[in-house]
C-alpha atoms as a PDB file:
ATOM      1  CA  UNK A   1      -0.030  -0.008  -0.027  1.00  0.00           C
ATOM      2  CA  UNK A   2       1.441   3.353  -1.010  1.00  0.00           C
ATOM      3  CA  UNK A   3       2.355   5.628   1.899  1.00  0.00           C
ATOM      4  CA  UNK A   4       1.249   8.555  -0.298  1.00  0.00           C
ATOM      5  CA  UNK A   5      -2.387   7.689   0.272  1.00  0.00           C
ATOM      6  CA  UNK A   6      -4.223   9.945   2.679  1.00  0.00           C
ATOM      7  CA  UNK A   7      -5.123   7.899   5.798  1.00  0.00           C
ATOM      8  CA  UNK A   8      -7.825   8.850   8.305  1.00  0.00           C
ATOM      9  CA  UNK A   9      -8.210   7.287  11.746  1.00  0.00           C
ATOM     10  CA  UNK A  10     -11.809   7.429  13.023  1.00  0.00           C
ATOM     11  CA  UNK A  11     -13.934   6.415  15.936  1.00  0.00           C
ATOM     12  CA  UNK A  12     -17.475   7.245  17.127  1.00  0.00           C
ATOM     13  CA  UNK A  13     -19.157   7.425  20.536  1.00  0.00           C
ATOM     14  CA  UNK A  14     -22.865   6.650  20.802  1.00  0.00           C
ATOM     15  CA  UNK A  15     -25.695   6.659  23.342  1.00  0.00           C
ATOM     16  CA  UNK A  16     -29.087   4.928  23.332  1.00  0.00           C
ATOM     17  CA  UNK A  17     -32.569   6.250  23.709  1.00  0.00           C
ATOM     18  CA  UNK A  18     -34.319   6.216  27.090  1.00  0.00           C
ATOM     19  CA  UNK A  19     -36.202   2.915  27.063  1.00  0.00           C
ATOM     20  CA  UNK A  20     -39.020   4.217  29.238  1.00  0.00           C
ATOM     21  CA  UNK A  21     -39.729   7.033  26.748  1.00  0.00           C
ATOM     22  CA  UNK A  22     -40.184   4.566  23.826  1.00  0.00           C
ATOM     23  CA  UNK A  23     -43.687   3.754  22.639  1.00  0.00           C
ATOM     24  CA  UNK A  24     -45.256   0.484  23.786  1.00  0.00           C
ATOM     25  CA  UNK A  25     -44.977  -1.205  20.401  1.00  0.00           C
ATOM     26  CA  UNK A  26     -41.245  -0.511  20.266  1.00  0.00           C
ATOM     27  CA  UNK A  27     -40.703  -1.685  23.846  1.00  0.00           C
ATOM     28  CA  UNK A  28     -42.561  -4.890  23.010  1.00  0.00           C
ATOM     29  CA  UNK A  29     -40.549  -5.448  19.870  1.00  0.00           C
ATOM     30  CA  UNK A  30     -37.298  -4.970  21.738  1.00  0.00           C
ATOM     31  CA  UNK A  31     -38.201  -7.160  24.714  1.00  0.00           C
ATOM     32  CA  UNK A  32     -39.966 -10.024  22.933  1.00  0.00           C
ATOM     33  CA  UNK A  33     -36.922 -12.239  22.763  1.00  0.00           C
ATOM     34  CA  UNK A  34     -35.821 -11.737  26.410  1.00  0.00           C
ATOM     35  CA  UNK A  35     -39.363 -12.561  27.629  1.00  0.00           C
ATOM     36  CA  UNK A  36     -39.165 -15.768  25.604  1.00  0.00           C
ATOM     37  CA  UNK A  37     -35.611 -16.764  26.715  1.00  0.00           C
ATOM     38  CA  UNK A  38     -35.866 -15.848  30.415  1.00  0.00           C
ATOM     39  CA  UNK A  39     -36.703 -18.690  32.733  1.00  0.00           C
ATOM     40  CA  UNK A  40     -37.862 -16.507  35.602  1.00  0.00           C
ATOM     41  CA  UNK A  41     -38.538 -12.911  36.676  1.00  0.00           C
ATOM     42  CA  UNK A  42     -35.052 -12.386  37.985  1.00  0.00           C
ATOM     43  CA  UNK A  43     -33.480 -13.424  34.715  1.00  0.00           C
ATOM     44  CA  UNK A  44     -35.866 -11.210  32.816  1.00  0.00           C
ATOM     45  CA  UNK A  45     -34.971  -8.183  34.968  1.00  0.00           C
ATOM     46  CA  UNK A  46     -31.245  -8.726  34.387  1.00  0.00           C
ATOM     47  CA  UNK A  47     -31.769  -9.154  30.578  1.00  0.00           C
ATOM     48  CA  UNK A  48     -34.022  -6.073  30.456  1.00  0.00           C
ATOM     49  CA  UNK A  49     -31.367  -3.984  32.191  1.00  0.00           C
ATOM     50  CA  UNK A  50     -28.766  -5.178  29.660  1.00  0.00           C
ATOM     51  CA  UNK A  51     -31.102  -4.363  26.837  1.00  0.00           C
ATOM     52  CA  UNK A  52     -31.641  -0.831  28.171  1.00  0.00           C
ATOM     53  CA  UNK A  53     -27.932  -0.273  28.524  1.00  0.00           C
ATOM     54  CA  UNK A  54     -27.257  -1.612  24.984  1.00  0.00           C
ATOM     55  CA  UNK A  55     -29.655   0.625  23.029  1.00  0.00           C
ATOM     56  CA  UNK A  56     -26.671   2.765  21.947  1.00  0.00           C
ATOM     57  CA  UNK A  57     -25.203  -0.129  19.952  1.00  0.00           C
ATOM     58  CA  UNK A  58     -27.842   0.159  17.247  1.00  0.00           C
ATOM     59  CA  UNK A  59     -28.541   3.107  14.880  1.00  0.00           C
ATOM     60  CA  UNK A  60     -32.251   2.161  15.214  1.00  0.00           C
ATOM     61  CA  UNK A  61     -32.279   3.058  18.964  1.00  0.00           C
ATOM     62  CA  UNK A  62     -29.181   5.221  19.378  1.00  0.00           C
ATOM     63  CA  UNK A  63     -27.406   8.283  18.100  1.00  0.00           C
ATOM     64  CA  UNK A  64     -23.859   9.507  17.618  1.00  0.00           C
ATOM     65  CA  UNK A  65     -22.615  11.963  20.265  1.00  0.00           C
ATOM     66  CA  UNK A  66     -18.950  12.220  19.107  1.00  0.00           C
ATOM     67  CA  UNK A  67     -16.916  11.537  15.946  1.00  0.00           C
ATOM     68  CA  UNK A  68     -13.145  11.569  16.329  1.00  0.00           C
ATOM     69  CA  UNK A  69     -10.969  11.924  13.228  1.00  0.00           C
ATOM     70  CA  UNK A  70      -7.178  11.866  13.044  1.00  0.00           C
ATOM     71  CA  UNK A  71      -4.869  12.332  10.045  1.00  0.00           C
ATOM     72  CA  UNK A  72      -2.433   9.420  10.402  1.00  0.00           C
ATOM     73  CA  UNK A  73       0.465  11.282   8.725  1.00  0.00           C
ATOM     74  CA  UNK A  74       0.054  14.711  10.483  1.00  0.00           C
ATOM     75  CA  UNK A  75      -1.104  13.168  13.797  1.00  0.00           C
ATOM     76  CA  UNK A  76      -3.600  16.037  13.991  1.00  0.00           C
ATOM     77  CA  UNK A  77      -7.391  15.894  13.918  1.00  0.00           C
ATOM     78  CA  UNK A  78     -10.721  16.858  15.440  1.00  0.00           C
ATOM     79  CA  UNK A  79     -13.556  15.631  17.557  1.00  0.00           C
ATOM     80  CA  UNK A  80     -16.993  16.753  16.592  1.00  0.00           C
ATOM     81  CA  UNK A  81     -19.300  16.398  19.593  1.00  0.00           C
ATOM     82  CA  UNK A  82     -22.831  17.087  20.743  1.00  0.00           C
ATOM     83  CA  UNK A  83     -23.422  19.420  23.733  1.00  0.00           C
ATOM     84  CA  UNK A  84     -27.154  20.080  23.868  1.00  0.00           C
ATOM     85  CA  UNK A  85     -28.029  23.217  25.787  1.00  0.00           C
ATOM     86  CA  UNK A  86     -24.444  24.538  25.739  1.00  0.00           C
ATOM     87  CA  UNK A  87     -22.613  26.921  23.496  1.00  0.00           C
ATOM     88  CA  UNK A  88     -18.986  25.892  23.672  1.00  0.00           C
ATOM     89  CA  UNK A  89     -16.250  27.749  21.818  1.00  0.00           C
ATOM     90  CA  UNK A  90     -13.984  25.805  19.579  1.00  0.00           C
ATOM     91  CA  UNK A  91     -11.019  24.469  21.542  1.00  0.00           C
ATOM     92  CA  UNK A  92      -7.621  23.100  20.358  1.00  0.00           C
ATOM     93  CA  UNK A  93      -5.384  20.898  22.517  1.00  0.00           C
ATOM     94  CA  UNK A  94      -2.343  18.872  21.435  1.00  0.00           C
ATOM     95  CA  UNK A  95      -3.276  18.954  17.722  1.00  0.00           C
ATOM     96  CA  UNK A  96      -6.940  18.068  18.300  1.00  0.00           C
ATOM     97  CA  UNK A  97      -9.709  20.592  17.626  1.00  0.00           C
ATOM     98  CA  UNK A  98     -12.900  20.176  19.562  1.00  0.00           C
ATOM     99  CA  UNK A  99     -16.009  21.408  17.665  1.00  0.00           C
ATOM    100  CA  UNK A 100     -19.491  21.437  19.093  1.00  0.00           C
ATOM    101  CA  UNK A 101     -22.110  20.403  16.503  1.00  0.00           C
ATOM    102  CA  UNK A 102     -25.496  18.714  16.219  1.00  0.00           C
ATOM    103  CA  UNK A 103     -25.536  15.040  15.182  1.00  0.00           C
ATOM    104  CA  UNK A 104     -26.521  15.923  11.622  1.00  0.00           C
ATOM    105  CA  UNK A 105     -23.789  18.591  11.378  1.00  0.00           C
ATOM    106  CA  UNK A 106     -21.200  16.089  12.684  1.00  0.00           C
ATOM    107  CA  UNK A 107     -22.157  13.570  10.100  1.00  0.00           C
ATOM    108  CA  UNK A 108     -22.206  16.047   7.253  1.00  0.00           C
ATOM    109  CA  UNK A 109     -18.788  17.357   8.346  1.00  0.00           C
ATOM    110  CA  UNK A 110     -17.383  13.827   8.457  1.00  0.00           C
ATOM    111  CA  UNK A 111     -18.547  12.889   4.938  1.00  0.00           C
ATOM    112  CA  UNK A 112     -17.162  16.114   3.549  1.00  0.00           C
ATOM    113  CA  UNK A 113     -13.825  15.351   5.156  1.00  0.00           C
ATOM    114  CA  UNK A 114     -13.904  11.707   3.953  1.00  0.00           C
ATOM    115  CA  UNK A 115     -13.785  12.885   0.375  1.00  0.00           C
ATOM    116  CA  UNK A 116     -10.091  13.860   0.884  1.00  0.00           C
ATOM    117  CA  UNK A 117      -9.027  10.493   2.138  1.00  0.00           C
ATOM    118  CA  UNK A 118      -8.488   7.078   0.492  1.00  0.00           C
ATOM    119  CA  UNK A 119      -7.687   4.889   3.516  1.00  0.00           C
ATOM    120  CA  UNK A 120      -9.874   4.711   6.689  1.00  0.00           C
ATOM    121  CA  UNK A 121      -8.543   2.992   9.762  1.00  0.00           C
ATOM    122  CA  UNK A 122     -10.641   1.816  12.702  1.00  0.00           C
ATOM    123  CA  UNK A 123     -10.680  -0.687  15.479  1.00  0.00           C
ATOM    124  CA  UNK A 124     -13.765  -2.856  15.178  1.00  0.00           C
ATOM    125  CA  UNK A 125     -15.138  -0.329  12.748  1.00  0.00           C
ATOM    126  CA  UNK A 126     -16.536  -2.839  10.276  1.00  0.00           C
ATOM    127  CA  UNK A 127     -18.650  -4.497  13.050  1.00  0.00           C
ATOM    128  CA  UNK A 128     -19.781  -1.286  14.698  1.00  0.00           C
ATOM    129  CA  UNK A 129     -18.603   2.268  13.766  1.00  0.00           C
ATOM    130  CA  UNK A 130     -19.122   2.105  10.016  1.00  0.00           C
ATOM    131  CA  UNK A 131     -22.499   0.352   9.839  1.00  0.00           C
ATOM    132  CA  UNK A 132     -23.752   2.638  12.659  1.00  0.00           C
ATOM    133  CA  UNK A 133     -22.435   5.778  10.886  1.00  0.00           C
ATOM    134  CA  UNK A 134     -23.785   4.869   7.465  1.00  0.00           C
ATOM    135  CA  UNK A 135     -27.237   3.840   8.621  1.00  0.00           C
ATOM    136  CA  UNK A 136     -27.503   6.824  10.964  1.00  0.00           C
ATOM    137  CA  UNK A 137     -26.535   9.060   8.052  1.00  0.00           C
ATOM    138  CA  UNK A 138     -29.441   7.699   5.984  1.00  0.00           C
ATOM    139  CA  UNK A 139     -31.837   8.094   8.843  1.00  0.00           C
ATOM    140  CA  UNK A 140     -30.849  11.764   9.123  1.00  0.00           C
ATOM    141  CA  UNK A 141     -31.125  12.288   5.429  1.00  0.00           C
ATOM    142  CA  UNK A 142     -27.438  12.468   4.658  1.00  0.00           C
ATOM    143  CA  UNK A 143     -25.884  10.428   1.885  1.00  0.00           C
ATOM    144  CA  UNK A 144     -22.422   9.009   2.648  1.00  0.00           C
ATOM    145  CA  UNK A 145     -19.750  10.273   0.276  1.00  0.00           C
ATOM    146  CA  UNK A 146     -17.992   6.860   0.294  1.00  0.00           C
ATOM    147  CA  UNK A 147     -18.891   3.242   0.924  1.00  0.00           C
ATOM    148  CA  UNK A 148     -16.832   2.272   3.890  1.00  0.00           C
ATOM    149  CA  UNK A 149     -18.293  -1.268   4.125  1.00  0.00           C
ATOM    150  CA  UNK A 150     -17.298  -2.390   0.661  1.00  0.00           C
ATOM    151  CA  UNK A 151     -14.570  -5.006   0.287  1.00  0.00           C
ATOM    152  CA  UNK A 152     -13.938  -6.708   3.687  1.00  0.00           C
ATOM    153  CA  UNK A 153     -10.638  -8.230   2.534  1.00  0.00           C
ATOM    154  CA  UNK A 154      -7.685  -5.987   1.810  1.00  0.00           C
ATOM    155  CA  UNK A 155      -6.935  -7.839  -1.431  1.00  0.00           C
ATOM    156  CA  UNK A 156     -10.314  -6.534  -2.659  1.00  0.00           C
ATOM    157  CA  UNK A 157      -8.611  -3.177  -2.670  1.00  0.00           C
ATOM    158  CA  UNK A 158     -11.112  -0.260  -2.984  1.00  0.00           C
ATOM    159  CA  UNK A 159      -8.967   2.627  -4.248  1.00  0.00           C
ATOM    160  CA  UNK A 160     -11.575   5.186  -3.284  1.00  0.00           C
ATOM    161  CA  UNK A 161     -12.215   4.011   0.284  1.00  0.00           C
ATOM    162  CA  UNK A 162     -10.033   1.200   1.713  1.00  0.00           C
ATOM    163  CA  UNK A 163     -11.236   0.390   5.177  1.00  0.00           C
ATOM    164  CA  UNK A 164      -8.655  -1.178   7.440  1.00  0.00           C
ATOM    165  CA  UNK A 165     -10.275  -2.552  10.546  1.00  0.00           C
ATOM    166  CA  UNK A 166      -7.501  -3.439  12.921  1.00  0.00           C
ATOM    167  CA  UNK A 167      -9.668  -5.786  14.996  1.00  0.00           C
ATOM    168  CA  UNK A 168     -10.096  -7.901  11.856  1.00  0.00           C
ATOM    169  CA  UNK A 169      -6.473  -7.637  10.757  1.00  0.00           C
ATOM    170  CA  UNK A 170      -5.038  -8.490  14.095  1.00  0.00           C
ATOM    171  CA  UNK A 171      -7.406 -11.463  14.509  1.00  0.00           C
ATOM    172  CA  UNK A 172      -6.795 -12.519  10.920  1.00  0.00           C
ATOM    173  CA  UNK A 173     -10.467 -11.929  10.008  1.00  0.00           C
ATOM    174  CA  UNK A 174     -11.681 -13.738  13.095  1.00  0.00           C
ATOM    175  CA  UNK A 175      -9.478 -16.848  12.712  1.00  0.00           C
ATOM    176  CA  UNK A 176      -8.174 -16.467  16.214  1.00  0.00           C
ATOM    177  CA  UNK A 177     -10.393 -17.584  19.091  1.00  0.00           C
ATOM    178  CA  UNK A 178     -10.650 -14.138  20.665  1.00  0.00           C
ATOM    179  CA  UNK A 179     -10.269 -10.804  18.978  1.00  0.00           C
ATOM    180  CA  UNK A 180      -9.161  -8.753  21.980  1.00  0.00           C
ATOM    181  CA  UNK A 181     -10.254  -5.222  22.818  1.00  0.00           C
ATOM    182  CA  UNK A 182      -8.445  -2.014  21.945  1.00  0.00           C
ATOM    183  CA  UNK A 183      -7.285  -1.848  25.588  1.00  0.00           C
ATOM    184  CA  UNK A 184      -5.758  -5.331  25.443  1.00  0.00           C
ATOM    185  CA  UNK A 185      -3.984  -4.733  22.152  1.00  0.00           C
ATOM    186  CA  UNK A 186      -2.703  -1.339  23.386  1.00  0.00           C
ATOM    187  CA  UNK A 187      -1.359  -2.917  26.515  1.00  0.00           C
ATOM    188  CA  UNK A 188       0.378  -5.764  24.598  1.00  0.00           C
ATOM    189  CA  UNK A 189       2.110  -3.294  22.282  1.00  0.00           C
ATOM    190  CA  UNK A 190       3.045  -0.787  25.003  1.00  0.00           C
ATOM    191  CA  UNK A 191       0.632   1.853  23.719  1.00  0.00           C
ATOM    192  CA  UNK A 192      -1.116   4.144  26.254  1.00  0.00           C
ATOM    193  CA  UNK A 193      -4.580   2.726  26.628  1.00  0.00           C
ATOM    194  CA  UNK A 194      -7.580   4.982  26.057  1.00  0.00           C
ATOM    195  CA  UNK A 195      -9.019   3.485  29.233  1.00  0.00           C
ATOM    196  CA  UNK A 196      -6.083   4.745  31.320  1.00  0.00           C
ATOM    197  CA  UNK A 197      -7.954   7.968  32.161  1.00  0.00           C
ATOM    198  CA  UNK A 198     -10.599   6.018  33.996  1.00  0.00           C
ATOM    199  CA  UNK A 199     -13.357   6.462  31.345  1.00  0.00           C
ATOM    200  CA  UNK A 200     -14.710   3.551  29.270  1.00  0.00           C
ATOM    201  CA  UNK A 201     -17.317   3.263  26.586  1.00  0.00           C
ATOM    202  CA  UNK A 202     -19.818   2.275  29.227  1.00  0.00           C
ATOM    203  CA  UNK A 203     -19.446   5.686  30.808  1.00  0.00           C
ATOM    204  CA  UNK A 204     -20.471   7.638  27.733  1.00  0.00           C
ATOM    205  CA  UNK A 205     -24.238   7.422  28.388  1.00  0.00           C
ATOM    206  CA  UNK A 206     -23.975   8.482  32.021  1.00  0.00           C
ATOM    207  CA  UNK A 207     -21.542  11.259  31.186  1.00  0.00           C
ATOM    208  CA  UNK A 208     -23.950  12.560  28.491  1.00  0.00           C
ATOM    209  CA  UNK A 209     -26.856  12.623  31.017  1.00  0.00           C
ATOM    210  CA  UNK A 210     -24.585  14.610  33.402  1.00  0.00           C
ATOM    211  CA  UNK A 211     -23.803  17.053  30.499  1.00  0.00           C
ATOM    212  CA  UNK A 212     -20.102  16.229  30.627  1.00  0.00           C
ATOM    213  CA  UNK A 213     -19.909  16.516  26.856  1.00  0.00           C
ATOM    214  CA  UNK A 214     -16.251  17.700  26.546  1.00  0.00           C
ATOM    215  CA  UNK A 215     -15.190  14.782  28.770  1.00  0.00           C
ATOM    216  CA  UNK A 216     -16.721  12.383  26.207  1.00  0.00           C
ATOM    217  CA  UNK A 217     -14.920  14.162  23.394  1.00  0.00           C
ATOM    218  CA  UNK A 218     -11.605  13.946  25.185  1.00  0.00           C
ATOM    219  CA  UNK A 219     -12.165  10.235  25.896  1.00  0.00           C
ATOM    220  CA  UNK A 220     -12.691   9.782  22.131  1.00  0.00           C
ATOM    221  CA  UNK A 221      -9.202  11.339  21.549  1.00  0.00           C
ATOM    222  CA  UNK A 222      -7.670   8.465  23.476  1.00  0.00           C
ATOM    223  CA  UNK A 223      -9.373   6.007  21.168  1.00  0.00           C
ATOM    224  CA  UNK A 224      -8.185   7.595  17.936  1.00  0.00           C
ATOM    225  CA  UNK A 225      -4.696   8.147  19.186  1.00  0.00           C
ATOM    226  CA  UNK A 226      -4.350   4.515  20.408  1.00  0.00           C
ATOM    227  CA  UNK A 227      -5.825   3.291  17.068  1.00  0.00           C
ATOM    228  CA  UNK A 228      -3.209   5.291  15.157  1.00  0.00           C
ATOM    229  CA  UNK A 229      -0.328   3.864  17.208  1.00  0.00           C
ATOM    230  CA  UNK A 230      -1.698   0.325  16.849  1.00  0.00           C
ATOM    231  CA  UNK A 231      -2.022   0.861  13.062  1.00  0.00           C
ATOM    232  CA  UNK A 232       1.620   1.894  12.848  1.00  0.00           C
ATOM    233  CA  UNK A 233       2.630  -1.348  14.686  1.00  0.00           C
ATOM    234  CA  UNK A 234       0.507  -3.424  12.360  1.00  0.00           C
ATOM    235  CA  UNK A 235       1.813  -1.622   9.262  1.00  0.00           C
ATOM    236  CA  UNK A 236       5.427  -2.131  10.332  1.00  0.00           C
ATOM    237  CA  UNK A 237       5.291  -5.794  11.369  1.00  0.00           C
ATOM    238  CA  UNK A 238       2.193  -7.488  10.034  1.00  0.00           C
ATOM    239  CA  UNK A 239       1.060  -5.897   6.867  1.00  0.00           C
ATOM    240  CA  UNK A 240       1.912  -7.900   3.718  1.00  0.00           C
END
């Protein structure tokens, strides 16, 4: 792969809708399977809580609250983030610009930026970030500028939008028994973990409710920086 290609690291943060605010038909649709599979009331309550906490994993019941982008060569980028009810000035720290936007504005900005890049690098992006982003774009009436789900295997080279999902590459497309999280891979390669600040993906929803929007955006920076460093390790030692 030519090093002259523009390469963009990206990662999204999402939250789910409030289950109790959903209409009854939607609640019934979401809980039908756990009612069927639960053997007793206690199991049902546990499964229901897991379901409520997992609504942010689907673009049908969730939304994007931050999009982090990082130019792999320049090691500079931005985080677009939601902050409802606030009017935060643009902020720049250590090569990262923080820009408050609505979800639709974030998505439009991302797809405009994507037109300048040929290689897109994620961790678990093919299983989560890209399907979520592309479907959420359609729901909000925004057409993606590139197909970032096309060509799972690198030999199927898509010159307009090659998506390198490090979770797939490091597990050899799932051939290994366990894929490993970004934290575990970072730890193994001596890369500062995005979890070292004490915030994890599970904290995004609670932080959003507490209106700690910039804290979410700064957590996202840890993800994109760790993904870049992991990509450089993969490129140097495992890319063929």
